[in-house]
């Protein structure tokens, strides 16, 4: 058997295998205890967990509506900051046939396969007849709306 010499002792391969086995067993016992404790905690705090889930669902629904209203206000006014705490970020979207893009890339000797990121960077900077470029508004919401609403009635 192989051995490793350390300052304190000589450790054999078999002894180290045993130590690892014992350490792994301790880990499994600890993980099981943690899972059992967590399951107990979940049962004891079921109401709190339900409250969190309900609040999360409410935030999701209200934020979705706020994003829709922000985009509507942007479409009506053109303002990228139509109200305190919300804004519009314009995302450039490219719509193209990947096969056409690959043919173009091969013809221009820039790829053996389509590097989508590089191609799209080029296509944003240089118009190509088979690429449709559009701008899509994306609503943003400030993380701390209380700051945005300070002084607003």
N, C-alpha and C. Protein backbone atom coordinates (compact mmCIF):
# COMPACT_ATOMS: atom_id res chain seq x y z
N UNK A 1 0.83 -1.18 0.00
CA UNK A 1 0.00 0.00 0.00
C UNK A 1 0.88 1.25 0.00
N UNK A 2 0.37 2.30 -0.64
CA UNK A 2 1.10 3.56 -0.69
C UNK A 2 0.99 4.28 0.64
N UNK A 3 2.02 5.04 0.94
CA UNK A 3 2.03 5.82 2.17
C UNK A 3 2.52 7.22 1.86
N UNK A 4 2.08 8.19 2.64
CA UNK A 4 2.52 9.57 2.52
C UNK A 4 3.16 9.96 3.83
N UNK A 5 4.35 10.53 3.76
CA UNK A 5 5.07 10.94 4.96
C UNK A 5 4.69 12.39 5.28
N UNK A 6 4.19 12.64 6.49
CA UNK A 6 3.90 13.99 6.93
C UNK A 6 4.75 14.26 8.16
N UNK A 7 4.72 15.49 8.62
CA UNK A 7 5.50 15.83 9.81
C UNK A 7 5.03 15.04 11.02
N UNK A 8 3.72 14.76 11.09
CA UNK A 8 3.18 14.13 12.28
C UNK A 8 3.24 12.61 12.23
N UNK A 9 2.97 12.04 11.05
CA UNK A 9 2.88 10.59 10.98
C UNK A 9 2.92 10.10 9.55
N UNK A 10 3.02 8.83 9.41
CA UNK A 10 2.93 8.21 8.11
C UNK A 10 1.48 7.77 7.94
N UNK A 11 0.85 8.20 6.83
CA UNK A 11 -0.55 7.88 6.58
C UNK A 11 -0.60 6.88 5.43
N UNK A 12 -1.21 5.75 5.67
CA UNK A 12 -1.35 4.76 4.61
C UNK A 12 -2.59 5.05 3.79
N UNK A 13 -2.60 4.55 2.58
CA UNK A 13 -3.73 4.73 1.69
C UNK A 13 -5.00 4.13 2.31
N UNK A 14 -4.89 2.95 2.87
CA UNK A 14 -6.04 2.29 3.48
C UNK A 14 -6.58 3.10 4.66
N UNK A 15 -5.68 3.62 5.51
CA UNK A 15 -6.13 4.45 6.64
C UNK A 15 -6.87 5.70 6.14
N UNK A 16 -6.38 6.30 5.06
CA UNK A 16 -7.02 7.51 4.54
C UNK A 16 -8.38 7.18 3.93
N UNK A 17 -8.49 6.02 3.28
CA UNK A 17 -9.79 5.60 2.75
C UNK A 17 -10.78 5.46 3.89
N UNK A 18 -10.36 4.88 5.00
CA UNK A 18 -11.23 4.72 6.16
C UNK A 18 -11.65 6.09 6.71
N UNK A 19 -10.71 7.02 6.78
CA UNK A 19 -11.03 8.36 7.29
C UNK A 19 -12.05 9.06 6.40
N UNK A 20 -11.87 8.92 5.10
CA UNK A 20 -12.81 9.55 4.17
C UNK A 20 -14.19 8.91 4.33
N UNK A 21 -14.24 7.59 4.47
CA UNK A 21 -15.52 6.90 4.65
C UNK A 21 -16.23 7.39 5.90
N UNK A 22 -15.49 7.55 7.00
CA UNK A 22 -16.08 8.03 8.26
C UNK A 22 -16.55 9.47 8.10
N UNK A 23 -15.75 10.32 7.43
CA UNK A 23 -16.12 11.72 7.23
C UNK A 23 -17.37 11.83 6.37
N UNK A 24 -17.45 11.01 5.34
CA UNK A 24 -18.65 11.02 4.48
C UNK A 24 -19.88 10.56 5.25
N UNK A 25 -19.71 9.58 6.11
CA UNK A 25 -20.83 9.09 6.90
C UNK A 25 -21.33 10.19 7.84
N UNK A 26 -20.38 10.92 8.49
CA UNK A 26 -20.77 12.04 9.36
C UNK A 26 -21.53 13.10 8.56
N UNK A 27 -21.06 13.35 7.34
CA UNK A 27 -21.73 14.33 6.49
C UNK A 27 -23.15 13.89 6.17
N UNK A 28 -23.35 12.63 5.82
CA UNK A 28 -24.68 12.13 5.49
C UNK A 28 -25.62 12.23 6.69
N UNK A 29 -25.11 11.90 7.89
CA UNK A 29 -25.93 12.01 9.10
C UNK A 29 -26.31 13.47 9.33
N UNK A 30 -25.35 14.38 9.18
CA UNK A 30 -25.62 15.81 9.39
C UNK A 30 -26.64 16.32 8.37
N UNK A 31 -26.51 15.90 7.11
CA UNK A 31 -27.46 16.32 6.08
C UNK A 31 -28.87 15.82 6.41
N UNK A 32 -28.96 14.59 6.86
CA UNK A 32 -30.26 14.02 7.21
C UNK A 32 -30.88 14.77 8.38
N UNK A 33 -30.07 15.08 9.40
CA UNK A 33 -30.57 15.86 10.54
C UNK A 33 -31.05 17.23 10.09
N UNK A 34 -30.30 17.84 9.20
CA UNK A 34 -30.70 19.16 8.68
C UNK A 34 -32.03 19.06 7.94
N UNK A 35 -32.18 18.05 7.07
CA UNK A 35 -33.43 17.88 6.33
C UNK A 35 -34.61 17.66 7.27
N UNK A 36 -34.41 16.86 8.31
CA UNK A 36 -35.49 16.61 9.26
C UNK A 36 -35.84 17.89 10.01
N UNK A 37 -34.83 18.64 10.43
CA UNK A 37 -35.08 19.89 11.15
C UNK A 37 -35.79 20.89 10.23
N UNK A 38 -35.38 20.93 8.97
CA UNK A 38 -36.01 21.86 8.04
C UNK A 38 -37.46 21.46 7.79
N UNK A 39 -37.73 20.17 7.66
CA UNK A 39 -39.10 19.70 7.46
C UNK A 39 -39.97 20.08 8.66
N UNK A 40 -39.42 19.94 9.85
CA UNK A 40 -40.16 20.33 11.06
C UNK A 40 -40.41 21.83 11.05
N UNK A 41 -39.38 22.60 10.70
CA UNK A 41 -39.53 24.06 10.64
C UNK A 41 -40.61 24.44 9.63
N UNK A 42 -40.60 23.78 8.45
CA UNK A 42 -41.62 24.08 7.43
C UNK A 42 -43.03 23.81 7.96
N UNK A 43 -43.20 22.71 8.69
CA UNK A 43 -44.52 22.40 9.24
C UNK A 43 -44.93 23.45 10.27
N UNK A 44 -43.99 23.85 11.13
CA UNK A 44 -44.29 24.82 12.18
C UNK A 44 -44.55 26.22 11.62
N UNK A 45 -44.02 26.51 10.45
CA UNK A 45 -44.13 27.85 9.87
C UNK A 45 -44.89 27.84 8.55
N UNK A 46 -45.82 26.91 8.40
CA UNK A 46 -46.59 26.79 7.16
C UNK A 46 -47.33 28.09 6.83
N UNK A 47 -47.87 28.75 7.86
CA UNK A 47 -48.60 30.01 7.61
C UNK A 47 -47.67 31.08 7.06
N UNK A 48 -46.48 31.18 7.63
CA UNK A 48 -45.50 32.16 7.17
C UNK A 48 -45.09 31.86 5.73
N UNK A 49 -44.85 30.60 5.42
CA UNK A 49 -44.46 30.23 4.06
C UNK A 49 -45.58 30.53 3.08
N UNK A 50 -46.83 30.30 3.48
CA UNK A 50 -47.97 30.64 2.62
C UNK A 50 -48.05 32.14 2.41
N UNK A 51 -47.79 32.90 3.46
CA UNK A 51 -47.81 34.36 3.36
C UNK A 51 -46.74 34.85 2.39
N UNK A 52 -45.55 34.26 2.46
CA UNK A 52 -44.46 34.62 1.54
C UNK A 52 -44.87 34.29 0.11
N UNK A 53 -45.43 33.11 -0.11
CA UNK A 53 -45.85 32.72 -1.46
C UNK A 53 -46.93 33.65 -2.00
N UNK A 54 -47.88 34.02 -1.14
CA UNK A 54 -48.95 34.93 -1.56
C UNK A 54 -48.39 36.31 -1.89
N UNK A 55 -47.49 36.79 -1.04
CA UNK A 55 -46.88 38.10 -1.28
C UNK A 55 -46.07 38.09 -2.57
N UNK A 56 -45.35 37.01 -2.83
CA UNK A 56 -44.57 36.89 -4.06
C UNK A 56 -45.48 36.92 -5.28
N UNK A 57 -46.60 36.19 -5.20
CA UNK A 57 -47.55 36.18 -6.31
C UNK A 57 -48.13 37.57 -6.54
N UNK A 58 -48.45 38.27 -5.44
CA UNK A 58 -48.99 39.62 -5.56
C UNK A 58 -47.99 40.56 -6.21
N UNK A 59 -46.73 40.49 -5.79
CA UNK A 59 -45.69 41.34 -6.38
C UNK A 59 -45.56 41.04 -7.87
N UNK A 60 -45.58 39.78 -8.23
CA UNK A 60 -45.46 39.39 -9.64
C UNK A 60 -46.59 39.99 -10.47
N UNK A 61 -47.81 39.87 -9.99
CA UNK A 61 -48.97 40.38 -10.72
C UNK A 61 -48.92 41.91 -10.80
N UNK A 62 -48.64 42.58 -9.68
CA UNK A 62 -48.65 44.05 -9.69
C UNK A 62 -47.49 44.61 -10.52
N UNK A 63 -46.32 43.94 -10.49
CA UNK A 63 -45.19 44.40 -11.30
C UNK A 63 -45.48 44.21 -12.79
N UNK A 64 -46.15 43.12 -13.14
CA UNK A 64 -46.50 42.88 -14.55
C UNK A 64 -47.41 43.99 -15.06
N UNK A 65 -48.42 44.33 -14.26
CA UNK A 65 -49.32 45.42 -14.66
C UNK A 65 -48.57 46.74 -14.75
N UNK A 66 -47.68 47.01 -13.79
CA UNK A 66 -46.91 48.26 -13.82
C UNK A 66 -46.04 48.32 -15.07
N UNK A 67 -45.42 47.20 -15.45
CA UNK A 67 -44.61 47.18 -16.67
C UNK A 67 -45.49 47.48 -17.90
N UNK A 68 -46.68 46.87 -17.94
CA UNK A 68 -47.59 47.10 -19.07
C UNK A 68 -48.00 48.57 -19.14
N UNK A 69 -48.33 49.15 -17.99
CA UNK A 69 -48.73 50.56 -17.96
C UNK A 69 -47.56 51.48 -18.33
N UNK A 70 -46.36 51.10 -17.92
CA UNK A 70 -45.17 51.89 -18.26
C UNK A 70 -44.94 51.89 -19.76
N UNK A 71 -45.06 50.72 -20.39
CA UNK A 71 -44.89 50.63 -21.84
C UNK A 71 -46.00 51.39 -22.56
N UNK A 72 -47.23 51.31 -22.02
CA UNK A 72 -48.34 52.06 -22.62
C UNK A 72 -48.05 53.56 -22.56
N UNK A 73 -47.59 54.04 -21.40
CA UNK A 73 -47.27 55.46 -21.26
C UNK A 73 -46.14 55.86 -22.20
N UNK A 74 -45.15 55.00 -22.35
CA UNK A 74 -44.04 55.27 -23.27
C UNK A 74 -44.56 55.36 -24.70
N UNK A 75 -45.42 54.41 -25.09
CA UNK A 75 -45.97 54.42 -26.45
C UNK A 75 -46.81 55.67 -26.71
N UNK A 76 -47.49 56.17 -25.67
CA UNK A 76 -48.33 57.36 -25.82
C UNK A 76 -47.52 58.65 -25.82
N UNK A 77 -46.46 58.70 -24.98
CA UNK A 77 -45.73 59.96 -24.81
C UNK A 77 -44.33 59.97 -25.42
N UNK A 78 -43.76 58.80 -25.59
CA UNK A 78 -42.38 58.73 -26.08
C UNK A 78 -41.35 58.96 -24.99
N UNK A 79 -41.81 59.23 -23.78
CA UNK A 79 -40.90 59.48 -22.65
C UNK A 79 -40.36 58.16 -22.11
N UNK A 80 -39.04 58.11 -21.97
CA UNK A 80 -38.43 56.90 -21.40
C UNK A 80 -38.51 56.88 -19.87
N UNK A 81 -38.95 57.97 -19.27
CA UNK A 81 -39.16 58.06 -17.83
C UNK A 81 -40.56 58.63 -17.58
N UNK A 82 -41.58 57.84 -17.87
CA UNK A 82 -42.94 58.37 -17.82
C UNK A 82 -43.48 58.65 -16.42
N UNK A 83 -42.85 58.11 -15.38
CA UNK A 83 -43.31 58.34 -14.01
C UNK A 83 -42.15 58.02 -13.07
N UNK A 84 -42.23 58.52 -11.83
CA UNK A 84 -41.15 58.23 -10.88
C UNK A 84 -41.00 56.73 -10.62
N UNK A 85 -39.78 56.26 -10.69
CA UNK A 85 -39.49 54.87 -10.34
C UNK A 85 -39.60 53.88 -11.47
N UNK A 86 -40.05 54.32 -12.62
CA UNK A 86 -40.15 53.41 -13.77
C UNK A 86 -39.45 54.05 -14.97
N UNK A 87 -39.05 53.22 -15.88
CA UNK A 87 -38.37 53.74 -17.07
C UNK A 87 -38.46 52.74 -18.20
N UNK A 88 -37.93 53.16 -19.32
CA UNK A 88 -37.92 52.31 -20.51
C UNK A 88 -36.48 52.13 -20.96
N UNK A 89 -36.14 50.88 -21.20
CA UNK A 89 -34.86 50.53 -21.80
C UNK A 89 -35.22 49.91 -23.15
N UNK A 90 -34.62 50.43 -24.21
CA UNK A 90 -34.93 49.91 -25.54
C UNK A 90 -33.94 48.79 -25.88
N UNK A 91 -34.49 47.64 -26.20
CA UNK A 91 -33.68 46.48 -26.57
C UNK A 91 -33.71 46.34 -28.09
N UNK A 92 -32.55 46.16 -28.69
CA UNK A 92 -32.49 45.94 -30.12
C UNK A 92 -32.67 44.46 -30.39
N UNK A 93 -33.65 44.14 -31.21
CA UNK A 93 -33.95 42.75 -31.55
C UNK A 93 -33.59 42.52 -33.01
N UNK A 94 -33.00 41.38 -33.28
CA UNK A 94 -32.68 41.00 -34.65
C UNK A 94 -33.47 39.74 -35.00
N UNK A 95 -34.10 39.76 -36.18
CA UNK A 95 -34.85 38.61 -36.64
C UNK A 95 -34.25 38.20 -37.98
N UNK A 96 -33.70 36.99 -38.04
CA UNK A 96 -33.07 36.54 -39.28
C UNK A 96 -33.08 35.01 -39.32
N UNK A 97 -32.87 34.51 -40.51
CA UNK A 97 -32.79 33.07 -40.72
C UNK A 97 -31.36 32.64 -40.40
N UNK A 98 -31.15 31.78 -39.39
CA UNK A 98 -29.80 31.35 -39.04
C UNK A 98 -29.04 30.72 -40.20
N UNK A 99 -29.75 30.06 -41.12
CA UNK A 99 -29.08 29.46 -42.27
C UNK A 99 -28.52 30.55 -43.19
N UNK A 100 -29.32 31.62 -43.40
CA UNK A 100 -28.84 32.75 -44.21
C UNK A 100 -27.65 33.42 -43.54
N UNK A 101 -27.73 33.56 -42.22
CA UNK A 101 -26.64 34.19 -41.48
C UNK A 101 -25.37 33.36 -41.59
N UNK A 102 -25.50 32.05 -41.49
CA UNK A 102 -24.33 31.17 -41.61
C UNK A 102 -23.74 31.26 -43.02
N UNK A 103 -24.61 31.28 -44.04
CA UNK A 103 -24.10 31.43 -45.42
C UNK A 103 -23.32 32.74 -45.56
N UNK A 104 -23.88 33.80 -45.00
CA UNK A 104 -23.21 35.10 -45.05
C UNK A 104 -21.85 35.03 -44.35
N UNK A 105 -21.82 34.41 -43.14
CA UNK A 105 -20.58 34.31 -42.37
C UNK A 105 -19.54 33.49 -43.12
N UNK A 106 -19.96 32.40 -43.74
CA UNK A 106 -19.02 31.58 -44.50
C UNK A 106 -18.50 32.32 -45.73
N UNK A 107 -19.39 33.04 -46.40
CA UNK A 107 -18.99 33.82 -47.58
C UNK A 107 -17.96 34.88 -47.21
N UNK A 108 -18.13 35.49 -46.06
CA UNK A 108 -17.21 36.53 -45.60
C UNK A 108 -16.03 35.96 -44.82
N UNK A 109 -15.95 34.65 -44.78
CA UNK A 109 -14.85 33.93 -44.15
C UNK A 109 -14.61 34.36 -42.70
N UNK A 110 -15.70 34.50 -41.95
CA UNK A 110 -15.55 34.86 -40.54
C UNK A 110 -15.93 33.71 -39.61
N UNK A 111 -16.34 32.57 -40.19
CA UNK A 111 -16.74 31.48 -39.30
C UNK A 111 -16.84 30.16 -40.03
N UNK A 112 -16.61 29.10 -39.29
CA UNK A 112 -16.91 27.76 -39.77
C UNK A 112 -18.30 27.37 -39.30
N UNK A 113 -18.73 27.98 -38.20
CA UNK A 113 -20.09 27.86 -37.73
C UNK A 113 -20.50 29.24 -37.26
N UNK A 114 -21.78 29.46 -37.14
CA UNK A 114 -22.25 30.79 -36.80
C UNK A 114 -21.97 31.11 -35.34
N UNK A 115 -21.19 32.15 -35.11
CA UNK A 115 -20.99 32.70 -33.77
C UNK A 115 -22.06 33.76 -33.62
N UNK A 116 -23.17 33.36 -33.00
CA UNK A 116 -24.36 34.21 -32.92
C UNK A 116 -24.04 35.58 -32.31
N UNK A 117 -23.28 35.62 -31.23
CA UNK A 117 -22.98 36.89 -30.55
C UNK A 117 -22.20 37.82 -31.48
N UNK A 118 -21.16 37.29 -32.11
CA UNK A 118 -20.36 38.12 -33.02
C UNK A 118 -21.19 38.58 -34.22
N UNK A 119 -21.96 37.65 -34.77
CA UNK A 119 -22.78 37.99 -35.93
C UNK A 119 -23.77 39.09 -35.58
N UNK A 120 -24.45 38.94 -34.44
CA UNK A 120 -25.45 39.94 -34.07
C UNK A 120 -24.82 41.29 -33.78
N UNK A 121 -23.62 41.30 -33.21
CA UNK A 121 -22.91 42.56 -33.01
C UNK A 121 -22.62 43.23 -34.34
N UNK A 122 -22.18 42.45 -35.31
CA UNK A 122 -21.91 42.98 -36.64
C UNK A 122 -23.20 43.45 -37.30
N UNK A 123 -24.26 42.64 -37.19
CA UNK A 123 -25.53 42.97 -37.83
C UNK A 123 -26.16 44.23 -37.23
N UNK A 124 -25.91 44.49 -35.96
CA UNK A 124 -26.44 45.72 -35.36
C UNK A 124 -25.71 46.94 -35.91
N UNK A 125 -24.40 46.78 -36.19
CA UNK A 125 -23.60 47.91 -36.65
C UNK A 125 -23.68 48.11 -38.16
N UNK A 126 -23.89 47.02 -38.90
CA UNK A 126 -23.90 47.08 -40.36
C UNK A 126 -25.17 46.42 -40.89
N UNK A 127 -26.06 47.18 -41.49
CA UNK A 127 -27.31 46.60 -41.99
C UNK A 127 -27.06 45.49 -43.01
N UNK A 128 -27.79 44.41 -42.87
CA UNK A 128 -27.75 43.30 -43.82
C UNK A 128 -29.16 43.10 -44.35
N UNK A 129 -29.27 42.82 -45.64
CA UNK A 129 -30.60 42.77 -46.25
C UNK A 129 -31.49 41.66 -45.71
N UNK A 130 -30.95 40.61 -45.12
CA UNK A 130 -31.78 39.52 -44.62
C UNK A 130 -32.02 39.60 -43.11
N UNK A 131 -31.58 40.70 -42.48
CA UNK A 131 -31.76 40.86 -41.03
C UNK A 131 -32.73 42.01 -40.79
N UNK A 132 -33.77 41.73 -40.06
CA UNK A 132 -34.75 42.75 -39.68
C UNK A 132 -34.38 43.23 -38.27
N UNK A 133 -34.11 44.52 -38.14
CA UNK A 133 -33.73 45.11 -36.86
C UNK A 133 -34.92 45.90 -36.33
N UNK A 134 -35.26 45.66 -35.07
CA UNK A 134 -36.35 46.41 -34.46
C UNK A 134 -35.95 46.77 -33.03
N UNK A 135 -36.63 47.75 -32.50
CA UNK A 135 -36.39 48.17 -31.12
C UNK A 135 -37.62 47.81 -30.31
N UNK A 136 -37.38 47.18 -29.18
CA UNK A 136 -38.48 46.73 -28.34
C UNK A 136 -38.34 47.39 -26.97
N UNK A 137 -39.34 48.10 -26.50
CA UNK A 137 -39.23 48.73 -25.18
C UNK A 137 -39.34 47.68 -24.07
N UNK A 138 -38.53 47.86 -23.05
CA UNK A 138 -38.60 46.99 -21.86
C UNK A 138 -38.75 47.89 -20.65
N UNK A 139 -39.79 47.70 -19.88
CA UNK A 139 -40.05 48.53 -18.71
C UNK A 139 -39.10 48.14 -17.58
N UNK A 140 -38.61 49.14 -16.86
CA UNK A 140 -37.78 48.90 -15.70
C UNK A 140 -38.45 49.51 -14.48
N UNK A 141 -38.23 48.88 -13.33
CA UNK A 141 -38.81 49.37 -12.08
C UNK A 141 -37.67 49.56 -11.09
N UNK A 142 -37.62 50.71 -10.46
CA UNK A 142 -36.58 50.97 -9.47
C UNK A 142 -36.68 49.96 -8.34
N UNK A 143 -35.57 49.54 -7.84
CA UNK A 143 -35.55 48.58 -6.74
C UNK A 143 -36.18 49.19 -5.49
N UNK A 144 -35.83 50.43 -5.22
CA UNK A 144 -36.36 51.12 -4.04
C UNK A 144 -37.34 52.19 -4.49
N UNK A 145 -38.61 51.84 -4.57
CA UNK A 145 -39.61 52.79 -5.03
C UNK A 145 -39.87 53.90 -4.02
N UNK A 146 -39.56 53.67 -2.76
CA UNK A 146 -39.80 54.73 -1.76
C UNK A 146 -38.93 55.95 -2.07
N UNK A 147 -37.71 55.75 -2.57
CA UNK A 147 -36.85 56.88 -2.95
C UNK A 147 -37.45 57.61 -4.15
N UNK A 148 -37.94 56.84 -5.11
CA UNK A 148 -38.51 57.45 -6.32
C UNK A 148 -39.78 58.21 -6.00
N UNK A 149 -40.52 57.76 -5.00
CA UNK A 149 -41.77 58.39 -4.65
C UNK A 149 -41.64 59.50 -3.60
N UNK A 150 -40.44 59.70 -3.09
CA UNK A 150 -40.23 60.74 -2.06
C UNK A 150 -40.65 62.10 -2.65
N UNK A 151 -41.56 62.72 -1.98
CA UNK A 151 -42.03 64.04 -2.41
C UNK A 151 -43.13 64.00 -3.45
N UNK A 152 -43.51 62.81 -3.91
CA UNK A 152 -44.58 62.69 -4.90
C UNK A 152 -45.88 62.36 -4.15
N UNK A 153 -46.93 63.04 -4.50
CA UNK A 153 -48.21 62.79 -3.83
C UNK A 153 -49.15 62.03 -4.70
